[in-house]
Protein backbone atom coordinates (compact mmCIF):
# COMPACT_ATOMS: atom_id res chain seq x y z
CA UNK A 1 0.31 0.00 0.04
CA UNK A 2 2.91 2.28 -0.09
CA UNK A 3 3.30 3.31 -3.92
CA UNK A 4 6.82 4.70 -4.95
CA UNK A 5 6.20 5.22 -8.46
CA UNK A 6 3.77 5.50 -11.32
CA UNK A 7 4.20 4.91 -15.08
CA UNK A 8 1.79 4.25 -18.23
CA UNK A 9 3.25 1.99 -20.65
CA UNK A 10 2.57 2.08 -24.43
CA UNK A 11 -0.52 -0.28 -24.27
CA UNK A 12 -2.00 1.91 -21.63
CA UNK A 13 -1.21 -0.69 -19.18
CA UNK A 14 -0.21 1.22 -15.24
CA UNK A 15 2.52 -0.02 -13.49
CA UNK A 16 2.69 0.85 -9.46
CA UNK A 17 6.00 0.45 -7.72
CA UNK A 18 5.26 -0.51 -4.20
CA UNK A 19 7.34 -0.68 -1.13
CA UNK A 20 8.25 -4.50 -0.41
CA UNK A 21 5.41 -5.61 -2.32
CA UNK A 22 7.49 -5.72 -5.63
CA UNK A 23 5.19 -4.22 -9.19
CA UNK A 24 2.12 -4.03 -9.45
CA UNK A 25 0.61 -3.72 -13.46
CA UNK A 26 -3.01 -2.93 -14.16
CA UNK A 27 -4.75 -3.28 -16.91
CA UNK A 28 -8.34 -1.55 -16.52
CA UNK A 29 -9.20 -4.57 -14.68
CA UNK A 30 -6.95 -6.45 -12.78
CA UNK A 31 -3.99 -6.54 -10.98
CA UNK A 32 -0.48 -8.49 -12.20
CA UNK A 33 2.26 -8.80 -9.28
CA UNK A 34 5.92 -9.06 -10.18
CA UNK A 35 8.40 -10.12 -7.29
CA UNK A 36 11.92 -11.43 -6.47
CA UNK A 37 9.86 -14.72 -7.37
CA UNK A 38 9.86 -13.68 -11.17
CA UNK A 39 13.19 -12.27 -11.23
CA UNK A 40 12.90 -8.43 -9.91
CA UNK A 41 15.62 -7.67 -8.21
CA UNK A 42 14.11 -6.34 -4.73
CA UNK A 43 10.65 -6.23 -3.87
CA UNK A 44 11.00 -2.28 -3.17
CA UNK A 45 10.34 -0.33 -6.22
CA UNK A 46 11.46 3.24 -6.28
CA UNK A 47 11.48 4.04 -9.53
CA UNK A 48 9.87 2.81 -13.16
CA UNK A 49 10.63 4.35 -16.94
CA UNK A 50 9.41 2.69 -20.32
CA UNK A 51 11.93 3.06 -22.76
CA UNK A 52 11.65 4.33 -26.27
CA UNK A 53 11.78 0.13 -27.41
CA UNK A 54 9.05 -0.53 -24.82
CA UNK A 55 10.94 -2.13 -22.12
CA UNK A 56 10.51 -1.40 -18.53
CA UNK A 57 13.28 -0.04 -15.90
CA UNK A 58 12.84 -0.83 -12.54
CA UNK A 59 15.06 1.09 -9.39
CA UNK A 60 15.32 -1.06 -6.42
CA UNK A 61 15.97 -0.37 -2.66
CA UNK A 62 18.95 -2.20 -2.48
CA UNK A 63 18.92 -4.87 -5.54
CA UNK A 64 20.07 -2.32 -8.46
CA UNK A 65 18.09 -2.34 -11.35
CA UNK A 66 15.54 -4.89 -13.35
CA UNK A 67 14.93 -4.26 -16.65
CA UNK A 68 11.51 -5.82 -17.62
CA UNK A 69 11.13 -7.23 -21.41
CA UNK A 70 7.30 -7.68 -22.05
CA UNK A 71 8.10 -9.56 -25.54
CA UNK A 72 10.57 -12.45 -23.56
CA UNK A 73 7.45 -14.26 -22.50
CA UNK A 74 6.62 -14.86 -25.95
CA UNK A 75 10.27 -16.14 -26.24
CA UNK A 76 11.16 -19.40 -25.27
CA UNK A 77 13.46 -19.68 -22.68
CA UNK A 78 14.00 -16.12 -22.49
CA UNK A 79 13.86 -14.69 -18.91
CA UNK A 80 11.64 -11.53 -18.69
CA UNK A 81 13.80 -9.90 -15.92
CA UNK A 82 17.48 -8.89 -16.33
CA UNK A 83 19.09 -7.06 -13.27
CA UNK A 84 22.00 -4.83 -13.46
CA UNK A 85 23.96 -4.08 -10.52
CA UNK A 86 27.14 -2.76 -8.94
CA UNK A 87 28.67 -5.58 -10.23
CA UNK A 88 28.25 -4.54 -13.38
CA UNK A 89 29.09 -0.94 -12.57
CA UNK A 90 26.15 0.63 -11.67
CA UNK A 91 27.29 3.47 -9.06
CA UNK A 92 24.59 1.59 -5.99
CA UNK A 93 22.16 -0.52 -5.72
CA UNK A 94 19.24 1.91 -4.08
CA UNK A 95 17.94 3.38 -7.61
CA UNK A 96 15.75 6.89 -6.47
CA UNK A 97 15.11 7.88 -10.11
CA UNK A 98 15.48 6.92 -14.02
CA UNK A 99 15.24 9.29 -16.71
CA UNK A 100 15.90 8.05 -20.40
CA UNK A 101 17.55 10.49 -22.64
CA UNK A 102 17.14 11.67 -26.36
CA UNK A 103 19.53 9.54 -27.82
CA UNK A 104 18.46 6.29 -25.82
CA UNK A 105 20.46 6.77 -22.91
CA UNK A 106 19.33 5.98 -19.15
CA UNK A 107 20.28 8.07 -16.29
CA UNK A 108 20.25 6.21 -13.14
CA UNK A 109 20.26 8.92 -9.82
CA UNK A 110 21.38 6.55 -6.67
CA UNK A 111 21.33 6.73 -2.92
CA UNK A 112 25.09 7.84 -2.40
CA UNK A 113 26.53 6.57 -5.32
CA UNK A 114 25.68 9.69 -7.44
CA UNK A 115 24.49 8.99 -11.37
CA UNK A 116 24.80 6.67 -13.55
CA UNK A 117 24.41 6.65 -17.07
CA UNK A 118 24.08 3.43 -19.19
CA UNK A 119 25.03 3.67 -22.94
CA UNK A 120 23.37 -0.16 -24.00
CA UNK A 121 26.56 -1.57 -22.68
CA UNK A 122 28.50 -0.33 -20.04
CA UNK A 123 28.01 2.48 -16.64
CA UNK A 124 29.49 5.87 -16.40
CA UNK A 125 29.16 7.58 -13.00
CA UNK A 126 29.07 11.09 -12.08
CA UNK A 127 29.67 11.95 -8.48
CA UNK A 128 30.90 15.12 -6.52
CA UNK A 129 33.75 14.17 -8.08
CA UNK A 130 32.78 15.93 -11.35
CA UNK A 131 30.70 18.72 -9.75
CA UNK A 132 27.60 17.13 -9.14
CA UNK A 133 26.08 18.84 -6.11
CA UNK A 134 25.52 15.63 -3.45
CA UNK A 135 25.72 11.70 -4.29
CA UNK A 136 22.03 11.28 -3.16
CA UNK A 137 20.22 11.55 -6.06
CA UNK A 138 16.40 11.86 -5.83
CA UNK A 139 15.07 12.98 -8.93
CA UNK A 140 16.00 13.68 -12.64
CA UNK A 141 14.38 15.19 -15.47
CA UNK A 142 15.84 16.15 -19.25
CA UNK A 143 14.61 19.76 -20.10
CA UNK A 144 13.82 20.73 -23.64
CA UNK A 145 17.12 21.99 -24.96
CA UNK A 146 18.99 18.55 -23.57
CA UNK A 147 20.15 19.67 -20.02
CA UNK A 148 19.79 17.44 -17.16
CA UNK A 149 18.44 18.48 -13.84
CA UNK A 150 19.42 16.29 -10.55
CA UNK A 151 17.74 16.53 -7.33
CA UNK A 152 19.75 16.07 -4.43
CA UNK A 153 19.75 15.70 -0.92
CA UNK A 154 21.13 18.22 0.89
CA UNK A 155 23.02 20.12 -2.12
CA UNK A 156 20.47 21.43 -4.25
CA UNK A 157 19.84 20.87 -8.09
CA UNK A 158 22.48 20.23 -10.31
CA UNK A 159 22.05 20.88 -13.78
CA UNK A 160 24.18 19.10 -16.40
CA UNK A 161 24.71 20.15 -19.78
CA UNK A 162 26.92 17.58 -21.65
CA UNK A 163 30.13 18.86 -20.23
CA UNK A 164 29.93 20.06 -16.93
CA UNK A 165 27.66 20.76 -13.64
CA UNK A 166 26.06 24.08 -12.39
CA UNK A 167 24.41 24.11 -9.01
CA UNK A 168 21.50 25.41 -7.14
CA UNK A 169 20.98 26.04 -3.70
CA UNK A 170 19.65 28.12 -0.97
CA UNK A 171 22.27 30.76 -1.85
CA UNK A 172 20.61 31.17 -5.09
CA UNK A 173 16.83 31.40 -4.20
CA UNK A 174 15.99 27.50 -4.34
CA UNK A 175 13.41 26.81 -1.30
CA UNK A 176 15.25 24.17 0.49
CA UNK A 177 18.38 21.78 -0.39
CA UNK A 178 16.82 18.39 -0.39
CA UNK A 179 15.02 18.11 -3.54
CA UNK A 180 12.45 15.25 -4.09
CA UNK A 181 10.96 16.15 -7.14
CA UNK A 182 11.52 17.77 -10.63
CA UNK A 183 9.32 18.70 -13.43
CA UNK A 184 10.02 21.60 -16.49
CA UNK A 185 6.13 22.93 -17.41
CA UNK A 186 4.97 23.69 -20.75
CA UNK A 187 6.08 27.27 -20.63
CA UNK A 188 9.65 25.82 -20.05
CA UNK A 189 9.91 26.64 -15.80
CA UNK A 190 11.35 24.03 -13.72
CA UNK A 191 9.37 22.95 -11.12
CA UNK A 192 11.51 21.48 -7.88
CA UNK A 193 9.55 19.81 -4.71
CA UNK A 194 11.43 20.45 -1.69
CA UNK A 195 11.89 19.03 1.75
CA UNK A 196 9.98 21.56 4.25
CA UNK A 197 10.38 24.84 2.00
CA UNK A 198 7.64 24.27 -0.28
CA UNK A 199 7.83 24.04 -4.36
CA UNK A 200 10.71 26.52 -5.96
CA UNK A 201 9.70 27.82 -9.46
CA UNK A 202 12.89 28.34 -11.97
CA UNK A 203 12.11 30.86 -14.74
CA UNK A 204 15.85 30.13 -16.36
CA UNK A 205 16.74 33.71 -13.98
CA UNK A 206 15.69 33.12 -10.88
CA UNK A 207 13.67 31.33 -8.15
CA UNK A 208 9.87 31.87 -6.90
CA UNK A 209 8.80 29.67 -3.96
CA UNK A 210 5.43 28.38 -3.38
CA UNK A 211 4.70 27.47 0.61
CA UNK A 212 1.57 27.14 2.88
CA UNK A 213 1.64 30.99 2.89
CA UNK A 214 0.46 31.06 -0.41
CA UNK A 215 -1.91 27.93 0.43
CA UNK A 216 0.30 24.78 -0.74
CA UNK A 217 -0.75 21.90 1.20
CA UNK A 218 2.12 21.56 2.93
CA UNK A 219 5.75 22.32 2.82
CA UNK A 220 7.23 18.82 2.22
CA UNK A 221 6.80 18.15 -1.79
CA UNK A 222 7.28 14.27 -2.50
CA UNK A 223 5.76 14.41 -6.37
CA UNK A 224 4.93 16.89 -9.01
CA UNK A 225 3.34 16.40 -12.50
CA UNK A 226 1.73 18.50 -14.93
CA UNK A 227 -1.60 17.88 -16.74
CA UNK A 228 -2.56 17.84 -20.09
CA UNK A 229 -4.45 21.18 -19.46
CA UNK A 230 -1.24 22.64 -18.02
CA UNK A 231 -2.49 22.57 -14.08
CA UNK A 232 0.30 21.23 -12.03
CA UNK A 233 -0.28 18.42 -8.90
CA UNK A 234 1.37 18.96 -6.24
CA UNK A 235 1.70 15.34 -3.97
CA UNK A 236 3.22 16.66 -0.41
CA UNK A 237 3.90 14.50 3.12
CA UNK A 238 0.76 14.75 5.47
CA UNK A 239 -1.25 17.32 3.36
CA UNK A 240 -2.41 16.15 0.58
CA UNK A 241 -2.62 17.25 -3.02
CA UNK A 242 -2.71 20.45 -4.42
CA UNK A 243 -3.62 21.67 -7.80
CA UNK A 244 -1.85 24.68 -9.26
CA UNK A 245 -3.52 26.55 -11.92
CA UNK A 246 -1.34 28.94 -12.31
CA UNK A 247 -2.50 31.55 -9.86
CA UNK A 248 -3.81 29.86 -6.99
CA UNK A 249 -4.27 26.25 -5.09
CA UNK A 250 -6.75 23.95 -4.64
CA UNK A 251 -6.41 21.58 -1.89
CA UNK A 252 -7.69 17.76 -1.88
CA UNK A 253 -7.39 15.64 0.96
CA UNK A 254 -8.86 12.24 2.98
CA UNK A 255 -11.40 14.82 3.40
CA UNK A 256 -12.54 14.93 -0.42
CA UNK A 257 -11.82 10.96 -0.70
CA UNK A 258 -8.06 11.04 -1.43
CA UNK A 259 -6.92 7.53 0.35
CA UNK A 260 -3.92 9.35 2.25
CA UNK A 261 -2.77 12.73 2.90
CA UNK A 262 1.20 11.85 2.05
CA UNK A 263 1.42 11.49 -2.12
CA UNK A 264 4.42 9.67 -3.38
CA UNK A 265 4.11 9.74 -6.55
CA UNK A 266 1.39 11.31 -9.11
CA UNK A 267 0.83 10.10 -13.03
CA UNK A 268 -2.22 11.11 -15.46
CA UNK A 269 -3.24 8.24 -17.77
CA UNK A 270 -4.46 9.02 -21.43
CA UNK A 271 -7.61 9.34 -20.56
CA UNK A 272 -7.09 12.25 -18.09
CA UNK A 273 -7.46 10.10 -15.01
CA UNK A 274 -4.91 11.29 -12.22
CA UNK A 275 -3.21 8.69 -10.21
CA UNK A 276 -1.89 9.22 -6.99
CA UNK A 277 0.41 6.48 -5.13
CA UNK A 278 0.27 7.20 -1.74
CA UNK A 279 2.01 6.08 2.04
CA UNK A 280 0.51 3.73 3.35
CA UNK A 281 -3.28 3.47 1.56
CA UNK A 282 -2.38 2.31 -1.72
CA UNK A 283 -2.98 4.38 -5.03
CA UNK A 284 -6.10 6.85 -5.39
CA UNK A 285 -7.58 7.30 -8.83
């Protein structure tokens, strides 16, 4: 019932990464569960990504990364899961976040090992030695111009342009240096969900911070997503979820039917439903 990550795959199935239960696939009617019994590296799944080829990448807590090939089950003798750990060159076996870049390389944000980039054959690791702000990376996104943004534990945000890192912290106006979530909105602004500081919006020049003072449900922001109409949905720790329309916040909590007021993950499906992975009460649609 702790749902750490959500994605919708190309076929319209939803995947939920749970804390201790493995991963659940929902086809709109029923759930199919995958765990270490089926070859998953670890039953705590912190992050999920579907790559350009339709394979799923599951970042686990302590087991490294599992790649799930949905076509493998159709091929006799093929294993659906392939696992990658520090033995293959991954920086750390706890993987908090995953992103795929425009060239198809995969980026993994780890717990204490920095960032690992996988080109399909080998891993290249980036740490504070290369300029990363902190070696625990909670969130990753690639922006429209091809820069990568990494939200770290205690170091603020790092931007990587392919050659070097530029770091942003409270010194530059970021609300807090612990950054759990990042999203780039349609206008090109970057939003950072922080621990205790609320949400920070960066327009390329300066930060604007939003907290309970502006109507945000809670100042610890665990997840952020932008819907098709341009609203931002901000999942908090203990306050439920806030919808921001660009001007004001509308808050939803257990009072409105949300399963739990701690929202760990958010995704919008093809039909426009929003899915909220909660801390302890499963998923709310």
